[in-house]
Amino acid sequence: MEGDVMNRTEYKNNFYKEHYERINLAVPKGMKDIIRTLAADKGMSINAYIQDLVRKDQCGMFDTMQVAEKNREMISGITGNMHDGYDIIFKDGHSCHCRTKKDVRSCIIEYCKEKGD
């Protein structure tokens, strides 16, 4: 039985290593309680709350870039600004750097068409 428990624990640890990344977040004193309260008010854990905020931020970026709904599912994220340009990271690991929002749209459309063929 003890070996069985070890195998389950080892499996869970390996699964976690392969599918998740850890972030240590430092916030000013008192902010943790504020975040915890905001999350609890929505019935969420702190982890789920922060992930939800990031998703909403990315949706806002997708909306700003006018990325089609059908293409959004292939994108892991978009970072950047109009001064430094934008980096697009696709879920399959492909990435590209674009100078303008128009270039971002063109790159996404072209790559998604290429992958769809």
N, C-alpha and C. Protein backbone atom coordinates (compact mmCIF):
# COMPACT_ATOMS: atom_id res chain seq x y z
N MET A 1 0.83 -1.21 0.00
CA MET A 1 0.00 0.00 0.00
C MET A 1 0.87 1.26 0.00
N GLU A 2 1.97 1.22 0.77
CA GLU A 2 2.84 2.39 0.85
C GLU A 2 3.43 2.74 -0.51
N GLY A 3 3.84 1.73 -1.28
CA GLY A 3 4.38 1.95 -2.63
C GLY A 3 3.34 2.55 -3.55
N ASP A 4 2.08 2.14 -3.37
CA ASP A 4 0.97 2.66 -4.17
C ASP A 4 0.78 4.15 -3.91
N VAL A 5 0.87 4.54 -2.63
CA VAL A 5 0.74 5.95 -2.26
C VAL A 5 1.89 6.76 -2.86
N MET A 6 3.09 6.21 -2.80
CA MET A 6 4.25 6.89 -3.38
C MET A 6 4.08 7.07 -4.89
N ASN A 7 3.58 6.03 -5.56
CA ASN A 7 3.39 6.12 -7.01
C ASN A 7 2.37 7.20 -7.37
N ARG A 8 1.30 7.29 -6.60
CA ARG A 8 0.28 8.32 -6.85
C ARG A 8 0.87 9.71 -6.64
N THR A 9 1.61 9.86 -5.54
CA THR A 9 2.22 11.15 -5.24
C THR A 9 3.23 11.52 -6.31
N GLU A 10 4.04 10.57 -6.72
CA GLU A 10 5.03 10.81 -7.77
C GLU A 10 4.34 11.18 -9.08
N TYR A 11 3.26 10.49 -9.41
CA TYR A 11 2.50 10.78 -10.63
C TYR A 11 1.96 12.22 -10.58
N LYS A 12 1.35 12.60 -9.44
CA LYS A 12 0.80 13.95 -9.31
C LYS A 12 1.89 15.00 -9.44
N ASN A 13 3.04 14.74 -8.79
CA ASN A 13 4.15 15.70 -8.87
C ASN A 13 4.67 15.84 -10.30
N ASN A 14 4.80 14.73 -11.00
CA ASN A 14 5.26 14.78 -12.39
C ASN A 14 4.25 15.48 -13.29
N PHE A 15 2.97 15.20 -13.09
CA PHE A 15 1.91 15.85 -13.87
C PHE A 15 1.98 17.37 -13.65
N TYR A 16 2.13 17.78 -12.40
CA TYR A 16 2.19 19.20 -12.07
C TYR A 16 3.39 19.86 -12.75
N LYS A 17 4.56 19.20 -12.70
CA LYS A 17 5.77 19.74 -13.33
C LYS A 17 5.59 19.93 -14.83
N GLU A 18 4.91 18.98 -15.47
CA GLU A 18 4.75 19.01 -16.93
C GLU A 18 3.68 20.00 -17.40
N HIS A 19 2.69 20.29 -16.57
CA HIS A 19 1.55 21.08 -17.02
C HIS A 19 1.38 22.45 -16.37
N TYR A 20 2.15 22.74 -15.33
CA TYR A 20 1.97 24.00 -14.61
C TYR A 20 3.30 24.68 -14.36
N GLU A 21 3.24 25.98 -14.18
CA GLU A 21 4.39 26.77 -13.79
C GLU A 21 4.02 27.53 -12.53
N ARG A 22 5.01 27.78 -11.70
CA ARG A 22 4.78 28.47 -10.44
C ARG A 22 5.28 29.91 -10.56
N ILE A 23 4.52 30.84 -9.99
CA ILE A 23 4.90 32.25 -9.94
C ILE A 23 4.86 32.68 -8.48
N ASN A 24 5.95 33.30 -8.03
CA ASN A 24 5.96 33.90 -6.69
C ASN A 24 5.65 35.38 -6.87
N LEU A 25 4.60 35.84 -6.23
CA LEU A 25 4.12 37.21 -6.41
C LEU A 25 4.34 37.99 -5.12
N ALA A 26 5.07 39.08 -5.19
CA ALA A 26 5.29 39.94 -4.02
C ALA A 26 4.40 41.17 -4.17
N VAL A 27 3.65 41.47 -3.13
CA VAL A 27 2.76 42.64 -3.13
C VAL A 27 3.02 43.44 -1.86
N PRO A 28 2.70 44.74 -1.87
CA PRO A 28 2.88 45.55 -0.67
C PRO A 28 2.02 45.02 0.48
N LYS A 29 2.49 45.23 1.70
CA LYS A 29 1.75 44.79 2.89
C LYS A 29 0.30 45.28 2.81
N GLY A 30 -0.62 44.39 3.12
CA GLY A 30 -2.03 44.71 3.10
C GLY A 30 -2.72 44.35 1.79
N MET A 31 -1.95 44.30 0.70
CA MET A 31 -2.52 43.99 -0.61
C MET A 31 -3.02 42.55 -0.68
N LYS A 32 -2.33 41.65 -0.02
CA LYS A 32 -2.73 40.23 -0.05
C LYS A 32 -4.15 40.08 0.49
N ASP A 33 -4.45 40.77 1.58
CA ASP A 33 -5.80 40.68 2.15
C ASP A 33 -6.84 41.28 1.21
N ILE A 34 -6.47 42.34 0.52
CA ILE A 34 -7.38 42.96 -0.45
C ILE A 34 -7.67 41.98 -1.59
N ILE A 35 -6.61 41.36 -2.11
CA ILE A 35 -6.78 40.39 -3.20
C ILE A 35 -7.61 39.21 -2.73
N ARG A 36 -7.32 38.71 -1.53
CA ARG A 36 -8.06 37.58 -0.98
C ARG A 36 -9.55 37.92 -0.85
N THR A 37 -9.86 39.12 -0.39
CA THR A 37 -11.25 39.56 -0.23
C THR A 37 -11.94 39.69 -1.58
N LEU A 38 -11.26 40.30 -2.55
CA LEU A 38 -11.84 40.44 -3.89
C LEU A 38 -12.13 39.08 -4.50
N ALA A 39 -11.19 38.14 -4.32
CA ALA A 39 -11.39 36.79 -4.86
C ALA A 39 -12.55 36.10 -4.15
N ALA A 40 -12.60 36.20 -2.83
CA ALA A 40 -13.66 35.56 -2.06
C ALA A 40 -15.03 36.13 -2.43
N ASP A 41 -15.09 37.43 -2.68
CA ASP A 41 -16.36 38.06 -3.07
C ASP A 41 -16.90 37.47 -4.38
N LYS A 42 -15.99 36.96 -5.21
CA LYS A 42 -16.40 36.34 -6.47
C LYS A 42 -16.47 34.82 -6.35
N GLY A 43 -16.24 34.31 -5.13
CA GLY A 43 -16.28 32.86 -4.92
C GLY A 43 -15.09 32.14 -5.55
N MET A 44 -13.95 32.83 -5.61
CA MET A 44 -12.77 32.26 -6.26
C MET A 44 -11.59 32.20 -5.30
N SER A 45 -10.64 31.33 -5.64
CA SER A 45 -9.36 31.32 -4.93
C SER A 45 -8.53 32.49 -5.46
N ILE A 46 -7.48 32.83 -4.74
CA ILE A 46 -6.59 33.89 -5.22
C ILE A 46 -6.01 33.51 -6.57
N ASN A 47 -5.60 32.26 -6.70
CA ASN A 47 -5.03 31.77 -7.95
C ASN A 47 -6.02 31.92 -9.11
N ALA A 48 -7.24 31.46 -8.91
CA ALA A 48 -8.26 31.55 -9.96
C ALA A 48 -8.58 33.01 -10.28
N TYR A 49 -8.61 33.86 -9.26
CA TYR A 49 -8.92 35.28 -9.45
C TYR A 49 -7.86 35.95 -10.33
N ILE A 50 -6.59 35.70 -10.02
CA ILE A 50 -5.50 36.31 -10.80
C ILE A 50 -5.51 35.78 -12.23
N GLN A 51 -5.74 34.49 -12.40
CA GLN A 51 -5.82 33.93 -13.76
C GLN A 51 -6.98 34.56 -14.53
N ASP A 52 -8.10 34.78 -13.86
CA ASP A 52 -9.26 35.40 -14.50
C ASP A 52 -8.93 36.83 -14.95
N LEU A 53 -8.21 37.58 -14.11
CA LEU A 53 -7.81 38.94 -14.47
C LEU A 53 -6.90 38.94 -15.70
N VAL A 54 -5.97 37.99 -15.75
CA VAL A 54 -5.06 37.90 -16.90
C VAL A 54 -5.84 37.55 -18.17
N ARG A 55 -6.79 36.60 -18.06
CA ARG A 55 -7.60 36.23 -19.22
C ARG A 55 -8.40 37.42 -19.74
N LYS A 56 -8.99 38.18 -18.81
CA LYS A 56 -9.77 39.36 -19.22
C LYS A 56 -8.87 40.40 -19.87
N ASP A 57 -7.66 40.57 -19.35
CA ASP A 57 -6.72 41.51 -19.93
C ASP A 57 -6.35 41.07 -21.35
N GLN A 58 -6.12 39.77 -21.54
CA GLN A 58 -5.80 39.26 -22.88
C GLN A 58 -6.98 39.43 -23.82
N CYS A 59 -8.19 39.20 -23.34
CA CYS A 59 -9.38 39.41 -24.18
C CYS A 59 -9.47 40.87 -24.62
N GLY A 60 -9.14 41.78 -23.70
CA GLY A 60 -9.12 43.19 -24.05
C GLY A 60 -8.09 43.49 -25.12
N MET A 61 -6.92 42.84 -25.01
CA MET A 61 -5.87 43.00 -26.02
C MET A 61 -6.34 42.44 -27.36
N PHE A 62 -6.98 41.26 -27.32
CA PHE A 62 -7.51 40.66 -28.56
C PHE A 62 -8.55 41.58 -29.19
N ASP A 63 -9.41 42.17 -28.35
CA ASP A 63 -10.43 43.09 -28.87
C ASP A 63 -9.77 44.32 -29.51
N THR A 64 -8.77 44.88 -28.83
CA THR A 64 -8.05 46.04 -29.35
C THR A 64 -7.40 45.73 -30.69
N MET A 65 -6.84 44.52 -30.79
CA MET A 65 -6.17 44.11 -32.02
C MET A 65 -7.15 43.62 -33.08
N GLN A 66 -8.43 43.53 -32.71
CA GLN A 66 -9.48 43.03 -33.60
C GLN A 66 -9.16 41.63 -34.11
N VAL A 67 -8.77 40.76 -33.15
CA VAL A 67 -8.45 39.36 -33.48
C VAL A 67 -9.76 38.58 -33.55
N ALA A 68 -9.97 37.86 -34.63
CA ALA A 68 -11.20 37.08 -34.81
C ALA A 68 -11.31 36.00 -33.74
N GLU A 69 -12.53 35.75 -33.31
CA GLU A 69 -12.79 34.72 -32.28
C GLU A 69 -12.18 33.38 -32.67
N LYS A 70 -12.31 32.99 -33.93
CA LYS A 70 -11.82 31.67 -34.36
C LYS A 70 -10.31 31.56 -34.24
N ASN A 71 -9.59 32.68 -34.28
CA ASN A 71 -8.13 32.65 -34.18
C ASN A 71 -7.63 32.75 -32.74
N ARG A 72 -8.46 33.27 -31.84
CA ARG A 72 -8.05 33.47 -30.45
C ARG A 72 -7.65 32.17 -29.77
N GLU A 73 -8.32 31.08 -30.12
CA GLU A 73 -8.04 29.81 -29.46
C GLU A 73 -6.65 29.28 -29.78
N MET A 74 -6.00 29.79 -30.81
CA MET A 74 -4.65 29.35 -31.17
C MET A 74 -3.56 30.19 -30.51
N ILE A 75 -3.96 31.29 -29.86
CA ILE A 75 -3.00 32.23 -29.30
C ILE A 75 -2.89 32.05 -27.79
N SER A 76 -1.65 31.97 -27.32
CA SER A 76 -1.40 31.88 -25.89
C SER A 76 -1.43 33.27 -25.27
N GLY A 77 -0.89 34.25 -25.97
CA GLY A 77 -0.91 35.60 -25.45
C GLY A 77 -0.28 36.61 -26.40
N ILE A 78 -0.58 37.88 -26.13
CA ILE A 78 0.02 38.99 -26.86
C ILE A 78 0.55 39.96 -25.82
N THR A 79 1.81 40.36 -25.98
CA THR A 79 2.40 41.34 -25.07
C THR A 79 2.99 42.47 -25.89
N GLY A 80 3.22 43.60 -25.25
CA GLY A 80 3.89 44.70 -25.92
C GLY A 80 3.09 45.98 -25.92
N ASN A 81 3.60 46.94 -26.69
CA ASN A 81 2.95 48.24 -26.79
C ASN A 81 3.34 48.88 -28.13
N MET A 82 2.74 50.03 -28.42
CA MET A 82 2.95 50.62 -29.74
C MET A 82 4.35 51.21 -29.91
N HIS A 83 5.09 51.39 -28.82
CA HIS A 83 6.46 51.92 -28.93
C HIS A 83 7.48 50.83 -29.23
N ASP A 84 7.34 49.69 -28.54
CA ASP A 84 8.31 48.59 -28.67
C ASP A 84 7.86 47.51 -29.63
N GLY A 85 6.61 47.55 -30.03
CA GLY A 85 6.05 46.50 -30.87
C GLY A 85 5.37 45.44 -30.02
N TYR A 86 4.86 44.43 -30.67
CA TYR A 86 4.06 43.40 -30.01
C TYR A 86 4.63 42.02 -30.29
N ASP A 87 4.60 41.18 -29.27
CA ASP A 87 5.00 39.78 -29.42
C ASP A 87 3.75 38.92 -29.33
N ILE A 88 3.57 38.05 -30.29
CA ILE A 88 2.45 37.12 -30.32
C ILE A 88 3.02 35.74 -30.02
N ILE A 89 2.45 35.07 -29.04
CA ILE A 89 2.89 33.71 -28.69
C ILE A 89 1.71 32.78 -28.96
N PHE A 90 1.92 31.84 -29.86
CA PHE A 90 0.89 30.87 -30.19
C PHE A 90 1.01 29.67 -29.26
N LYS A 91 -0.08 28.97 -29.06
CA LYS A 91 -0.10 27.83 -28.14
C LYS A 91 0.84 26.71 -28.56
N ASP A 92 1.18 26.63 -29.84
CA ASP A 92 2.09 25.57 -30.29
C ASP A 92 3.56 25.96 -30.13
N GLY A 93 3.81 27.14 -29.53
CA GLY A 93 5.18 27.58 -29.29
C GLY A 93 5.71 28.58 -30.30
N HIS A 94 5.06 28.69 -31.45
CA HIS A 94 5.48 29.66 -32.47
C HIS A 94 5.27 31.07 -31.92
N SER A 95 6.17 31.98 -32.26
CA SER A 95 5.99 33.37 -31.84
C SER A 95 6.47 34.29 -32.96
N CYS A 96 5.99 35.51 -32.94
CA CYS A 96 6.45 36.50 -33.90
C CYS A 96 6.37 37.89 -33.28
N HIS A 97 7.19 38.79 -33.78
CA HIS A 97 7.23 40.17 -33.30
C HIS A 97 6.69 41.07 -34.41
N CYS A 98 5.81 41.98 -34.04
CA CYS A 98 5.20 42.89 -35.01
C CYS A 98 5.34 44.32 -34.51
N ARG A 99 5.48 45.25 -35.43
CA ARG A 99 5.63 46.66 -35.06
C ARG A 99 4.29 47.35 -34.82
N THR A 100 3.27 47.01 -35.58
CA THR A 100 1.98 47.71 -35.47
C THR A 100 0.84 46.72 -35.22
N LYS A 101 -0.29 47.27 -34.81
CA LYS A 101 -1.48 46.43 -34.60
C LYS A 101 -1.93 45.80 -35.91
N LYS A 102 -1.79 46.55 -36.99
CA LYS A 102 -2.16 46.00 -38.30
C LYS A 102 -1.28 44.80 -38.63
N ASP A 103 0.02 44.91 -38.33
CA ASP A 103 0.94 43.79 -38.55
C ASP A 103 0.56 42.59 -37.69
N VAL A 104 0.11 42.86 -36.46
CA VAL A 104 -0.32 41.78 -35.56
C VAL A 104 -1.47 41.02 -36.19
N ARG A 105 -2.48 41.76 -36.66
CA ARG A 105 -3.64 41.11 -37.29
C ARG A 105 -3.21 40.28 -38.49
N SER A 106 -2.36 40.86 -39.33
CA SER A 106 -1.90 40.15 -40.53
C SER A 106 -1.13 38.88 -40.18
N CYS A 107 -0.25 38.98 -39.19
CA CYS A 107 0.55 37.83 -38.77
C CYS A 107 -0.35 36.72 -38.24
N ILE A 108 -1.32 37.08 -37.40
CA ILE A 108 -2.23 36.09 -36.83
C ILE A 108 -3.04 35.41 -37.92
N ILE A 109 -3.60 36.20 -38.81
CA ILE A 109 -4.42 35.65 -39.90
C ILE A 109 -3.59 34.71 -40.76
N GLU A 110 -2.40 35.16 -41.13
CA GLU A 110 -1.53 34.35 -42.00
C GLU A 110 -1.14 33.04 -41.31
N TYR A 111 -0.73 33.13 -40.05
CA TYR A 111 -0.28 31.92 -39.35
C TYR A 111 -1.45 30.95 -39.13
N CYS A 112 -2.60 31.48 -38.75
CA CYS A 112 -3.77 30.62 -38.52
C CYS A 112 -4.24 29.96 -39.82
N LYS A 113 -4.16 30.70 -40.93
CA LYS A 113 -4.51 30.10 -42.24
C LYS A 113 -3.54 28.98 -42.57
N GLU A 114 -2.26 29.24 -42.35
CA GLU A 114 -1.22 28.24 -42.63
C GLU A 114 -1.44 26.97 -41.79
N LYS A 115 -1.78 27.15 -40.53
CA LYS A 115 -2.01 26.00 -39.64
C LYS A 115 -3.32 25.30 -39.95
N GLY A 116 -4.28 26.05 -40.49
CA GLY A 116 -5.58 25.48 -40.81
C GLY A 116 -5.58 24.62 -42.06
N ASP A 117 -4.60 24.84 -42.91
CA ASP A 117 -4.52 24.09 -44.19
C ASP A 117 -4.11 22.66 -43.98
